[in-house]
Amino acid sequence: MRGIRSIAVLTLVSTILAGGVAAAAAAPEGQMTWGIHVSLVPTWFDPAETTGIVTPFMLMYALHDAMVKPLPGNPLAPSLAESWTVSSDGLAYEFVLRNGVRFHNGDPVTAEDVKFSFERYRGPASKTFKERVAAVETSGPTRIRFRLREPWPDFLTFYASATGAGWIVPKKYVEKVGDEGFKKAPIGAGPHRFVSFTPGVELVLEAVDQYWRKAPQVKRLVFRTIPDPSTRFAALKRGEIDVSYWMTASLGEELRRTPGLTLKPSLANNSYWVYFVDQWDPKSPWHDRRVRLAANYAIDRQAINQAETLGYSRMNYSLIPSHFEFFWQPPAIPYDRARAKQLLAEAGYPNGFDAGDFTCDAVHAGIAEPVANDLRAAGFRLKLRPLERASYNKGQVEKTFKNLVLSASAAFGNAPTRLEAFVVAGGAYVYGSYPDIDGLFREQAAELDRKRREATLHRIQQLVHDKAMFAPIWQLAAMGGFGPRVEESELGLITGFPFSGPYEDVRLKAK
């Protein structure tokens, strides 16, 4: 292919070129157990079902492998693909697969599996892929080419991290057992293979000695469902689990004081914001920018940060994580209740107004409650409405909520992927949009000059801030912890990923 420039080629000197691990590596041993904050569901075993949230990747990093994926120090690290190139016109991406890599059932990972996995993907970005990818072509067992209808600078970000489309499953096996059979007994190409799953209790995985990157250090991984944080902490103290996800602030304080336990905050992709979903309705008070600004001034973000995450979360004043490519840093929004009340008076509400429901995922009630209290104190008479996650997610997708919504996203990606989902017309979670922002987004989408594209994306983010489309809360620091048997938990080593990873690197202390 002419006019091709190499994008990435990494050689891992610790591995054999054929894909096997170094011969001198010690055999995996021991068991490490995680306390998981949510109930595990079989859809998370299948990359095709991956939604735009980060939680399924907690399991996918152990069970599956991707063509390209975030790893420590590299948001687009070559994995099953050892290299790739992009045509000079931006219309073709060609990947070369790593030799000798096999699925857990012994089948080789081939270009046909890559094509099958892409075409099978049915997550939130499937419509975007179908509209923008003209063809997927294989050339022998190790080469695959994606042809685009027009230049799409974010193709690799979508393919590698923002979706599950680039996480590869075995075509022959899936066709044999079907989608439901695959969820019952998933086979991947990751560092650990499926052993058993007991719904509501635990998932058990076992090390794959010949994983291409390196032999895992720990033989058996157990992911135990313990939704209540106090119960998770008690299990950690008793040594029943080795790692706990998502501690509350009070438990985090106790964990720091407990000998043998270690608190590990991890700055995550998770951003939280209040979404004024009625701002496009001329009859709504939220249509007035002064009202939206008043809500922004009413929230004491730093006090909530200290109370909920011991001050570890980052005040980035944006729905886009600060480490994302093309992030623009908005000005700080001070806590100023007097200014909030003044703006409400100027907008015609000197005594405040009935603001209706403030809907949130019940899991995030600890954040929503102090935000609601701050808003009430400034004159917004609202009712907090926590919903069970399935109902909340359904309402968000179907856009049935009114007034205020506590929105959040922990998805991998960059500034444009986050903007496309939450700001721009047609986005999966967009209630309304502004023509000037939509126009600029279309302009940047095909721009191949990085500096010009960055300037346009910064302008879009500035407009989002100037219009007060949202009231950003923070970029979350998820508080995990681990016990005395753990040498390396890998918590937060992958930028923006609040879980352990890569799992082949977790270690127990020597006996």
Protein backbone atom coordinates (compact mmCIF):
# COMPACT_ATOMS: atom_id res chain seq x y z
CA MET A 1 0.00 0.00 0.00
CA ARG A 2 1.51 3.32 -1.09
CA GLY A 3 1.72 6.38 1.08
CA ILE A 4 1.62 4.39 4.27
CA ARG A 5 3.16 5.71 7.44
CA SER A 6 3.89 3.44 10.35
CA ILE A 7 1.90 4.26 13.46
CA ALA A 8 3.19 1.82 16.04
CA VAL A 9 5.53 -1.12 16.23
CA LEU A 10 6.60 -2.37 19.65
CA THR A 11 8.91 -5.28 20.34
CA LEU A 12 8.68 -6.85 23.75
CA VAL A 13 12.14 -8.21 24.49
CA SER A 14 10.85 -10.36 27.32
CA THR A 15 8.78 -12.48 24.94
CA ILE A 16 9.70 -14.94 22.21
CA LEU A 17 8.78 -13.73 18.72
CA ALA A 18 6.55 -16.75 18.21
CA GLY A 19 4.30 -15.43 20.95
CA GLY A 20 5.34 -17.70 23.80
CA VAL A 21 6.51 -16.46 27.17
CA ALA A 22 10.12 -16.51 28.26
CA ALA A 23 11.23 -20.03 29.05
CA ALA A 24 12.64 -19.07 32.42
CA ALA A 25 9.36 -17.65 33.76
CA ALA A 26 8.14 -19.25 36.98
CA ALA A 27 4.88 -21.19 36.90
CA PRO A 28 1.84 -19.26 38.18
CA GLU A 29 0.85 -20.09 41.74
CA GLY A 30 -1.53 -19.03 44.51
CA GLN A 31 -4.96 -17.41 44.50
CA MET A 32 -5.90 -13.72 44.66
CA THR A 33 -9.48 -12.73 45.49
CA TRP A 34 -11.20 -9.43 44.66
CA GLY A 35 -14.26 -8.00 46.41
CA ILE A 36 -16.44 -6.57 43.61
CA HIS A 37 -18.84 -3.70 44.21
CA VAL A 38 -21.46 -4.80 41.66
CA SER A 39 -23.14 -8.03 40.62
CA LEU A 40 -21.31 -9.70 37.76
CA VAL A 41 -23.40 -10.44 34.68
CA PRO A 42 -22.65 -12.86 31.80
CA THR A 43 -22.97 -10.10 29.20
CA TRP A 44 -19.63 -8.81 30.53
CA PHE A 45 -17.98 -12.07 29.39
CA ASP A 46 -18.75 -11.19 25.76
CA PRO A 47 -16.97 -8.21 24.11
CA ALA A 48 -19.80 -7.92 21.57
CA GLU A 49 -22.14 -6.87 24.38
CA THR A 50 -19.82 -4.24 25.85
CA THR A 51 -21.61 -0.98 26.59
CA GLY A 52 -20.03 2.45 26.85
CA ILE A 53 -19.01 1.92 30.49
CA VAL A 54 -15.72 0.82 31.98
CA THR A 55 -16.99 -1.90 34.34
CA PRO A 56 -16.99 -4.84 31.84
CA PHE A 57 -13.30 -4.19 31.13
CA MET A 58 -12.65 -5.18 34.74
CA LEU A 59 -13.21 -8.77 33.51
CA MET A 60 -12.20 -8.41 29.87
CA TYR A 61 -8.60 -7.54 30.79
CA ALA A 62 -8.36 -10.98 32.43
CA LEU A 63 -10.40 -13.16 30.09
CA HIS A 64 -9.93 -11.58 26.67
CA ASP A 65 -7.38 -9.67 24.62
CA ALA A 66 -7.64 -6.83 22.14
CA MET A 67 -5.90 -5.82 18.96
CA VAL A 68 -4.80 -2.60 20.67
CA LYS A 69 -5.60 -1.60 24.26
CA PRO A 70 -4.59 0.75 27.06
CA LEU A 71 -1.67 -0.56 29.12
CA PRO A 72 0.51 1.20 31.72
CA GLY A 73 2.20 4.15 30.06
CA ASN A 74 0.53 3.65 26.68
CA PRO A 75 -3.15 4.34 25.89
CA LEU A 76 -2.83 2.55 22.51
CA ALA A 77 -0.49 -0.36 23.17
CA PRO A 78 -0.06 -3.06 20.48
CA SER A 79 -1.46 -6.34 21.79
CA LEU A 80 -2.84 -9.02 19.47
CA ALA A 81 -1.83 -6.63 16.68
CA GLU A 82 1.94 -6.25 16.79
CA SER A 83 1.80 -3.27 14.42
CA TRP A 84 -0.50 -1.20 12.23
CA THR A 85 -0.29 1.39 9.49
CA VAL A 86 -2.58 4.15 8.25
CA SER A 87 -2.83 5.23 4.61
CA SER A 88 -1.79 8.79 3.82
CA ASP A 89 -5.39 9.71 2.94
CA GLY A 90 -6.64 8.37 6.29
CA LEU A 91 -9.02 5.93 4.60
CA ALA A 92 -7.38 2.60 5.47
CA TYR A 93 -5.99 1.01 8.64
CA GLU A 94 -4.01 -2.21 8.19
CA PHE A 95 -3.10 -4.43 11.16
CA VAL A 96 -0.56 -7.24 11.39
CA LEU A 97 -1.36 -9.92 13.96
CA ARG A 98 1.20 -11.25 16.40
CA ASN A 99 2.41 -14.72 15.38
CA GLY A 100 1.66 -17.79 17.47
CA VAL A 101 -1.11 -16.37 19.68
CA ARG A 102 -3.89 -18.82 20.52
CA PHE A 103 -7.30 -18.81 22.17
CA HIS A 104 -7.81 -20.78 25.36
CA ASN A 105 -9.14 -23.78 23.38
CA GLY A 106 -5.95 -23.93 21.31
CA ASP A 107 -7.32 -22.34 18.12
CA PRO A 108 -4.98 -19.73 16.58
CA VAL A 109 -6.06 -16.08 16.57
CA THR A 110 -6.53 -15.18 12.90
CA ALA A 111 -7.63 -12.27 10.77
CA GLU A 112 -10.98 -14.02 10.27
CA ASP A 113 -11.55 -13.92 14.04
CA VAL A 114 -10.76 -10.21 14.02
CA LYS A 115 -13.22 -9.55 11.21
CA PHE A 116 -15.87 -11.72 12.87
CA SER A 117 -15.47 -9.95 16.23
CA PHE A 118 -15.81 -6.53 14.62
CA GLU A 119 -18.89 -7.46 12.62
CA ARG A 120 -20.45 -9.18 15.62
CA TYR A 121 -20.03 -6.16 17.92
CA ARG A 122 -23.42 -4.67 18.85
CA GLY A 123 -22.59 -2.14 21.57
CA PRO A 124 -23.48 1.57 21.54
CA ALA A 125 -20.90 2.45 18.86
CA SER A 126 -22.01 -0.25 16.40
CA LYS A 127 -24.08 2.26 14.43
CA THR A 128 -21.09 4.60 14.20
CA PHE A 129 -18.87 1.80 12.92
CA LYS A 130 -21.41 0.63 10.35
CA GLU A 131 -21.84 4.15 9.03
CA ARG A 132 -18.11 4.87 8.75
CA VAL A 133 -16.44 1.55 7.91
CA ALA A 134 -16.93 0.65 4.25
CA ALA A 135 -15.25 -2.76 4.30
CA VAL A 136 -13.19 -5.16 6.41
CA GLU A 137 -10.73 -7.19 4.33
CA THR A 138 -8.46 -10.06 5.31
CA SER A 139 -5.21 -10.94 3.54
CA GLY A 140 -3.98 -14.26 4.85
CA PRO A 141 -4.21 -15.34 8.47
CA THR A 142 -2.34 -12.38 9.99
CA ARG A 143 -3.35 -9.27 8.02
CA ILE A 144 -6.59 -7.33 8.17
CA ARG A 145 -7.55 -3.98 6.65
CA PHE A 146 -10.35 -1.61 7.62
CA ARG A 147 -11.47 0.69 4.79
CA LEU A 148 -13.31 3.86 5.84
CA ARG A 149 -15.89 5.81 3.87
CA GLU A 150 -14.15 9.06 4.81
CA PRO A 151 -11.22 10.04 7.04
CA TRP A 152 -12.00 9.34 10.70
CA PRO A 153 -9.15 10.35 13.02
CA ASP A 154 -10.82 8.66 16.01
CA PHE A 155 -11.20 5.23 14.43
CA LEU A 156 -8.36 3.71 16.42
CA THR A 157 -9.57 5.22 19.70
CA PHE A 158 -13.05 3.82 19.15
CA TYR A 159 -11.70 0.46 18.04
CA ALA A 160 -9.03 0.08 20.71
CA SER A 161 -10.54 1.46 23.88
CA ALA A 162 -13.92 3.20 23.68
CA THR A 163 -15.74 0.01 22.59
CA GLY A 164 -15.44 -3.77 22.68
CA ALA A 165 -15.17 -4.09 18.89
CA GLY A 166 -11.41 -4.69 18.97
CA TRP A 167 -11.54 -7.42 21.65
CA ILE A 168 -11.28 -10.72 19.80
CA VAL A 169 -13.32 -13.90 20.19
CA PRO A 170 -12.91 -17.26 18.36
CA LYS A 171 -15.21 -17.36 15.33
CA LYS A 172 -15.48 -21.15 15.05
CA TYR A 173 -16.29 -21.61 18.74
CA VAL A 174 -18.91 -18.85 18.86
CA GLU A 175 -20.61 -20.19 15.72
CA LYS A 176 -20.63 -23.65 17.29
CA VAL A 177 -22.09 -22.77 20.73
CA GLY A 178 -24.05 -19.61 19.88
CA ASP A 179 -24.21 -16.32 21.78
CA GLU A 180 -25.86 -17.76 24.89
CA GLY A 181 -23.51 -20.73 24.95
CA PHE A 182 -20.55 -18.36 24.72
CA LYS A 183 -21.72 -16.41 27.76
CA LYS A 184 -22.04 -19.67 29.72
CA ALA A 185 -18.55 -20.86 28.78
CA PRO A 186 -16.55 -17.96 27.28
CA ILE A 187 -13.26 -18.56 25.52
CA GLY A 188 -10.86 -15.69 24.98
CA ALA A 189 -7.19 -15.00 24.30
CA GLY A 190 -6.43 -13.21 27.58
CA PRO A 191 -4.01 -14.10 30.39
CA HIS A 192 -6.63 -16.13 32.30
CA ARG A 193 -9.19 -18.73 31.18
CA PHE A 194 -12.74 -19.25 32.42
CA VAL A 195 -13.23 -21.89 35.13
CA SER A 196 -16.66 -21.26 36.67
CA PHE A 197 -19.30 -18.65 37.35
CA THR A 198 -21.86 -18.72 40.16
CA PRO A 199 -24.36 -15.87 39.61
CA GLY A 200 -24.49 -13.49 42.54
CA VAL A 201 -21.48 -15.17 44.15
CA GLU A 202 -18.23 -15.33 42.17
CA LEU A 203 -16.31 -15.77 38.93
CA VAL A 204 -13.22 -18.01 38.91
CA LEU A 205 -10.44 -17.75 36.31
CA GLU A 206 -7.15 -19.62 35.92
CA ALA A 207 -3.80 -18.54 34.48
CA VAL A 208 -2.78 -19.28 30.89
CA ASP A 209 0.91 -20.22 31.15
CA GLN A 210 1.63 -19.39 27.51
CA TYR A 211 0.04 -15.95 27.37
CA TRP A 212 2.04 -13.99 24.77
CA ARG A 213 2.93 -10.97 26.91
CA LYS A 214 4.15 -12.89 29.95
CA ALA A 215 3.12 -15.80 32.13
CA PRO A 216 0.73 -14.57 34.85
CA GLN A 217 2.21 -14.52 38.35
CA VAL A 218 -0.97 -15.71 40.09
CA LYS A 219 -2.58 -19.01 39.12
CA ARG A 220 -6.18 -18.42 40.17
CA LEU A 221 -8.23 -15.19 40.18
CA VAL A 222 -11.53 -15.05 42.06
CA PHE A 223 -13.94 -12.14 41.61
CA ARG A 224 -16.41 -12.25 44.51
CA THR A 225 -19.60 -10.18 44.44
CA ILE A 226 -19.90 -8.12 47.65
CA PRO A 227 -22.05 -5.05 46.84
CA ASP A 228 -22.11 -3.58 50.36
CA PRO A 229 -18.91 -1.55 51.03
CA SER A 230 -18.89 -2.28 54.77
CA THR A 231 -19.13 -6.00 54.09
CA ARG A 232 -16.30 -5.74 51.54
CA PHE A 233 -14.13 -3.93 54.05
CA ALA A 234 -14.84 -6.50 56.75
CA ALA A 235 -13.90 -9.28 54.31
CA LEU A 236 -10.64 -7.46 53.53
CA LYS A 237 -9.81 -7.12 57.24
CA ARG A 238 -10.48 -10.82 57.83
CA GLY A 239 -8.33 -11.84 54.87
CA GLU A 240 -11.25 -13.36 52.97
CA ILE A 241 -10.45 -11.12 50.00
CA ASP A 242 -7.14 -9.60 48.94
CA VAL A 243 -8.33 -6.54 46.99
CA SER A 244 -11.44 -4.40 47.43
CA TYR A 245 -12.86 -1.98 44.89
CA TRP A 246 -14.77 1.24 45.62
CA MET A 247 -14.36 2.13 49.28
CA THR A 248 -16.34 4.95 50.87
CA ALA A 249 -14.51 7.84 52.54
CA SER A 250 -15.19 6.67 56.10
CA LEU A 251 -14.04 3.14 55.27
CA GLY A 252 -11.05 4.56 53.42
CA GLU A 253 -10.03 6.40 56.59
CA GLU A 254 -10.36 3.23 58.65
CA LEU A 255 -8.46 1.26 56.03
CA ARG A 256 -5.57 3.74 56.23
CA ARG A 257 -5.44 3.24 60.00
CA THR A 258 -5.56 -0.57 59.87
CA PRO A 259 -2.14 -2.30 60.04
CA GLY A 260 -1.50 -4.53 57.04
CA LEU A 261 -4.07 -2.83 54.79
CA THR A 262 -3.21 -0.32 52.07
CA LEU A 263 -5.46 2.38 50.59
CA LYS A 264 -4.90 2.91 46.86
CA PRO A 265 -6.83 5.81 45.28
CA SER A 266 -6.88 5.70 41.48
CA LEU A 267 -7.76 8.72 39.35
CA ALA A 268 -10.26 7.26 36.91
CA ASN A 269 -11.91 8.05 33.59
CA ASN A 270 -15.05 8.59 35.68
CA SER A 271 -16.38 12.12 35.34
CA TYR A 272 -19.61 13.24 37.01
CA TRP A 273 -21.80 16.18 36.11
CA VAL A 274 -25.32 17.53 36.55
CA TYR A 275 -27.12 17.58 33.21
CA PHE A 276 -29.79 20.25 32.69
CA VAL A 277 -31.85 18.14 30.29
CA ASP A 278 -34.61 20.76 29.85
CA GLN A 279 -32.33 23.63 28.81
CA TRP A 280 -33.67 23.51 25.23
CA ASP A 281 -37.28 23.99 26.38
CA PRO A 282 -38.10 27.74 26.25
CA LYS A 283 -40.75 27.24 28.95
CA SER A 284 -38.30 25.70 31.41
CA PRO A 285 -36.35 27.76 33.97
CA TRP A 286 -33.29 25.79 32.87
CA HIS A 287 -33.51 27.46 29.46
CA ASP A 288 -32.02 30.57 31.11
CA ARG A 289 -28.23 30.41 31.24
CA ARG A 290 -28.27 32.42 34.49
CA VAL A 291 -30.17 29.61 36.19
CA ARG A 292 -27.66 27.04 34.98
CA LEU A 293 -24.80 29.26 36.15
CA ALA A 294 -26.49 29.64 39.53
CA ALA A 295 -26.54 25.86 39.92
CA ASN A 296 -22.83 25.74 39.10
CA TYR A 297 -21.98 28.33 41.77
CA ALA A 298 -24.21 26.59 44.33
CA ILE A 299 -22.16 23.36 44.49
CA ASP A 300 -19.32 23.11 47.02
CA ARG A 301 -17.27 20.63 45.01
CA GLN A 302 -14.22 20.55 47.25
CA ALA A 303 -16.27 19.86 50.38
CA ILE A 304 -18.00 16.95 48.61
CA ASN A 305 -14.59 15.72 47.39
CA GLN A 306 -13.22 15.68 50.92
CA ALA A 307 -16.32 14.03 52.36
CA GLU A 308 -16.70 11.36 49.69
CA THR A 309 -13.18 10.61 48.38
CA LEU A 310 -10.89 12.10 51.07
CA GLY A 311 -9.88 14.89 48.69
CA TYR A 312 -8.33 12.57 46.11
CA SER A 313 -10.73 13.38 43.23
CA ARG A 314 -9.73 16.07 40.74
CA MET A 315 -11.64 19.28 40.15
CA ASN A 316 -11.32 19.48 36.37
CA TYR A 317 -14.60 21.41 35.76
CA SER A 318 -15.39 19.33 32.69
CA LEU A 319 -17.17 16.15 31.69
CA ILE A 320 -13.92 15.16 29.93
CA PRO A 321 -11.15 13.57 32.04
CA SER A 322 -8.05 15.75 32.27
CA HIS A 323 -5.76 13.03 30.89
CA PHE A 324 -7.81 12.55 27.70
CA GLU A 325 -6.29 13.61 24.41
CA PHE A 326 -7.51 17.09 23.30
CA PHE A 327 -8.72 18.03 26.81
CA TRP A 328 -9.19 21.77 27.36
CA GLN A 329 -8.94 23.03 30.94
CA PRO A 330 -11.93 25.25 31.78
CA PRO A 331 -11.64 27.99 34.40
CA ALA A 332 -12.33 26.98 37.98
CA ILE A 333 -15.95 27.37 39.12
CA PRO A 334 -15.91 28.79 42.66
CA TYR A 335 -18.40 27.84 45.34
CA ASP A 336 -20.45 31.02 45.86
CA ARG A 337 -23.96 30.59 47.26
CA ALA A 338 -24.59 34.34 47.39
CA ARG A 339 -23.76 34.66 43.70
CA ALA A 340 -26.03 31.71 42.94
CA LYS A 341 -28.96 33.39 44.70
CA GLN A 342 -28.22 36.68 42.94
CA LEU A 343 -28.31 34.99 39.53
CA LEU A 344 -31.60 33.31 40.38
CA ALA A 345 -33.06 36.70 41.38
CA GLU A 346 -31.84 38.25 38.12
CA ALA A 347 -33.52 35.40 36.23
CA GLY A 348 -36.82 36.17 37.98
CA TYR A 349 -36.67 33.69 40.84
CA PRO A 350 -35.78 35.72 43.97
CA ASN A 351 -37.35 33.03 46.16
CA GLY A 352 -36.03 30.11 44.15
CA PHE A 353 -38.31 27.72 42.27
CA ASP A 354 -39.62 24.17 42.22
CA ALA A 355 -36.89 22.33 40.31
CA GLY A 356 -38.58 18.92 40.15
CA ASP A 357 -36.72 15.61 40.16
CA PHE A 358 -32.95 15.21 40.37
CA THR A 359 -32.46 11.69 39.02
CA CYS A 360 -29.40 9.59 39.75
CA ASP A 361 -28.09 6.04 39.66
CA ALA A 362 -28.61 4.73 43.20
CA VAL A 363 -24.97 3.61 43.20
CA HIS A 364 -24.01 7.30 42.97
CA ALA A 365 -26.38 8.56 45.67
CA GLY A 366 -23.40 9.40 47.88
CA ILE A 367 -22.42 12.05 45.34
CA ALA A 368 -25.95 13.13 44.41
CA GLU A 369 -27.14 13.75 47.98
CA PRO A 370 -24.64 16.50 48.92
CA VAL A 371 -25.08 18.08 45.47
CA ALA A 372 -28.85 18.11 46.05
CA ASN A 373 -28.39 19.66 49.49
CA ASP A 374 -26.19 22.44 48.07
CA LEU A 375 -28.73 23.18 45.32
CA ARG A 376 -31.61 23.26 47.81
CA ALA A 377 -29.69 25.70 50.02
CA ALA A 378 -29.37 28.08 47.06
CA GLY A 379 -33.09 27.99 46.24
CA PHE A 380 -33.54 25.02 43.93
CA ARG A 381 -36.43 23.07 45.49
CA LEU A 382 -35.80 19.61 44.12
CA LYS A 383 -36.45 15.97 44.96
CA LEU A 384 -33.63 13.45 44.74
CA ARG A 385 -34.73 10.39 42.77
CA PRO A 386 -32.27 7.46 42.98
CA LEU A 387 -32.99 4.61 40.56
CA GLU A 388 -31.70 1.07 40.39
CA ARG A 389 -28.99 0.92 37.72
CA ALA A 390 -30.95 -0.92 35.03
CA SER A 391 -33.82 1.58 35.27
CA TYR A 392 -31.42 4.51 35.33
CA ASN A 393 -29.52 3.28 32.26
CA LYS A 394 -32.78 2.63 30.41
CA GLY A 395 -33.99 6.15 31.12
CA GLN A 396 -30.69 7.66 30.01
CA VAL A 397 -30.68 5.78 26.71
CA GLU A 398 -34.35 6.48 26.04
CA LYS A 399 -33.99 10.10 27.26
CA THR A 400 -37.10 10.01 29.43
CA PHE A 401 -35.82 12.07 32.38
CA LYS A 402 -36.76 15.67 33.14
CA ASN A 403 -35.17 18.59 34.99
CA LEU A 404 -31.83 17.41 36.44
CA VAL A 405 -29.84 14.20 35.97
CA LEU A 406 -26.59 13.21 37.62
CA SER A 407 -24.70 11.87 34.62
CA ALA A 408 -21.40 10.02 34.58
CA SER A 409 -19.08 8.23 32.22
CA ALA A 410 -16.05 6.06 32.86
CA ALA A 411 -15.50 4.99 29.26
CA PHE A 412 -12.06 5.03 27.70
CA GLY A 413 -11.58 7.39 24.77
CA ASN A 414 -10.59 10.99 24.12
CA ALA A 415 -12.27 14.39 24.10
CA PRO A 416 -14.18 13.88 20.82
CA THR A 417 -15.50 10.44 21.83
CA ARG A 418 -16.87 11.93 25.07
CA LEU A 419 -18.32 14.94 23.23
CA GLU A 420 -19.95 12.72 20.61
CA ALA A 421 -21.73 10.65 23.26
CA PHE A 422 -22.91 13.47 25.55
CA VAL A 423 -22.85 16.84 23.74
CA VAL A 424 -23.32 16.59 19.97
CA ALA A 425 -26.60 16.02 18.12
CA GLY A 426 -27.35 12.33 17.69
CA GLY A 427 -25.22 11.27 20.66
CA ALA A 428 -26.36 8.25 22.66
CA TYR A 429 -27.15 10.36 25.74
CA VAL A 430 -27.88 13.76 24.17
CA TYR A 431 -31.23 15.44 24.93
CA GLY A 432 -30.51 18.49 22.81
CA SER A 433 -27.63 20.34 21.18
CA TYR A 434 -26.45 23.70 19.85
CA PRO A 435 -25.90 24.35 16.11
CA ASP A 436 -22.55 26.11 16.58
CA ILE A 437 -21.14 23.16 18.55
CA ASP A 438 -22.57 20.62 16.11
CA GLY A 439 -21.00 22.48 13.18
CA LEU A 440 -17.58 22.65 14.80
CA PHE A 441 -17.75 18.97 15.69
CA ARG A 442 -18.46 18.02 12.07
CA GLU A 443 -15.56 20.22 11.03
CA GLN A 444 -13.03 18.52 13.32
CA ALA A 445 -14.26 14.99 12.57
CA ALA A 446 -12.50 14.84 9.20
CA GLU A 447 -9.57 17.12 10.03
CA LEU A 448 -6.24 15.28 9.66
CA ASP A 449 -4.06 18.18 10.77
CA ARG A 450 -3.68 17.59 14.50
CA LYS A 451 -3.07 21.20 15.54
CA ARG A 452 -6.09 22.51 13.65
CA ARG A 453 -8.21 19.71 15.04
CA GLU A 454 -7.04 20.39 18.58
CA ALA A 455 -7.89 24.09 18.24
CA THR A 456 -11.42 23.24 17.06
CA LEU A 457 -11.95 20.73 19.88
CA HIS A 458 -10.75 23.26 22.43
CA ARG A 459 -13.21 25.80 21.01
CA ILE A 460 -16.05 23.28 21.36
CA GLN A 461 -15.17 22.64 25.00
CA GLN A 462 -14.99 26.38 25.63
CA LEU A 463 -18.49 26.78 24.20
CA VAL A 464 -19.78 23.95 26.41
CA HIS A 465 -18.37 25.83 29.40
CA ASP A 466 -19.61 29.25 28.28
CA LYS A 467 -23.15 27.97 27.72
CA ALA A 468 -23.15 26.26 31.13
CA MET A 469 -24.58 23.14 29.52
CA PHE A 470 -23.64 21.13 32.60
CA ALA A 471 -22.56 21.54 36.20
CA PRO A 472 -19.38 19.42 36.36
CA ILE A 473 -18.67 17.82 39.73
CA TRP A 474 -15.28 16.10 39.46
CA GLN A 475 -13.06 13.48 37.92
CA LEU A 476 -13.33 10.64 40.39
CA ALA A 477 -10.49 9.07 42.33
CA ALA A 478 -11.80 5.57 43.02
CA MET A 479 -10.62 4.31 46.38
CA GLY A 480 -9.52 0.69 46.37
CA GLY A 481 -7.54 -1.18 48.94
CA PHE A 482 -5.54 -4.36 49.35
CA GLY A 483 -4.42 -6.67 52.11
CA PRO A 484 -1.11 -7.93 53.50
CA ARG A 485 -0.65 -10.87 51.10
CA VAL A 486 -0.52 -8.60 48.05
CA GLU A 487 2.82 -7.53 46.57
CA GLU A 488 1.34 -5.72 43.57
CA SER A 489 -2.39 -5.02 43.15
CA GLU A 490 -1.99 -3.18 39.82
CA LEU A 491 -4.74 -0.80 40.98
CA GLY A 492 -4.72 2.31 38.80
CA LEU A 493 -1.59 1.43 36.80
CA ILE A 494 -3.51 1.74 33.53
CA THR A 495 -4.30 5.45 33.20
CA GLY A 496 -7.95 6.16 33.94
CA PHE A 497 -8.74 2.51 34.78
CA PRO A 498 -9.93 2.24 38.41
CA PHE A 499 -9.44 -1.52 38.65
CA SER A 500 -6.49 -3.91 38.71
CA GLY A 501 -4.72 -4.41 35.42
CA PRO A 502 -3.01 -5.90 33.63
CA TYR A 503 -3.88 -9.05 35.56
CA GLU A 504 -0.81 -10.94 34.38
CA ASP A 505 1.23 -8.51 36.47
CA VAL A 506 -0.57 -8.84 39.83
CA ARG A 507 1.64 -10.53 42.44
CA LEU A 508 1.39 -12.09 45.86
CA LYS A 509 4.17 -11.73 48.38
CA ALA A 510 6.61 -14.60 48.63
CA LYS A 511 5.77 -17.01 51.43
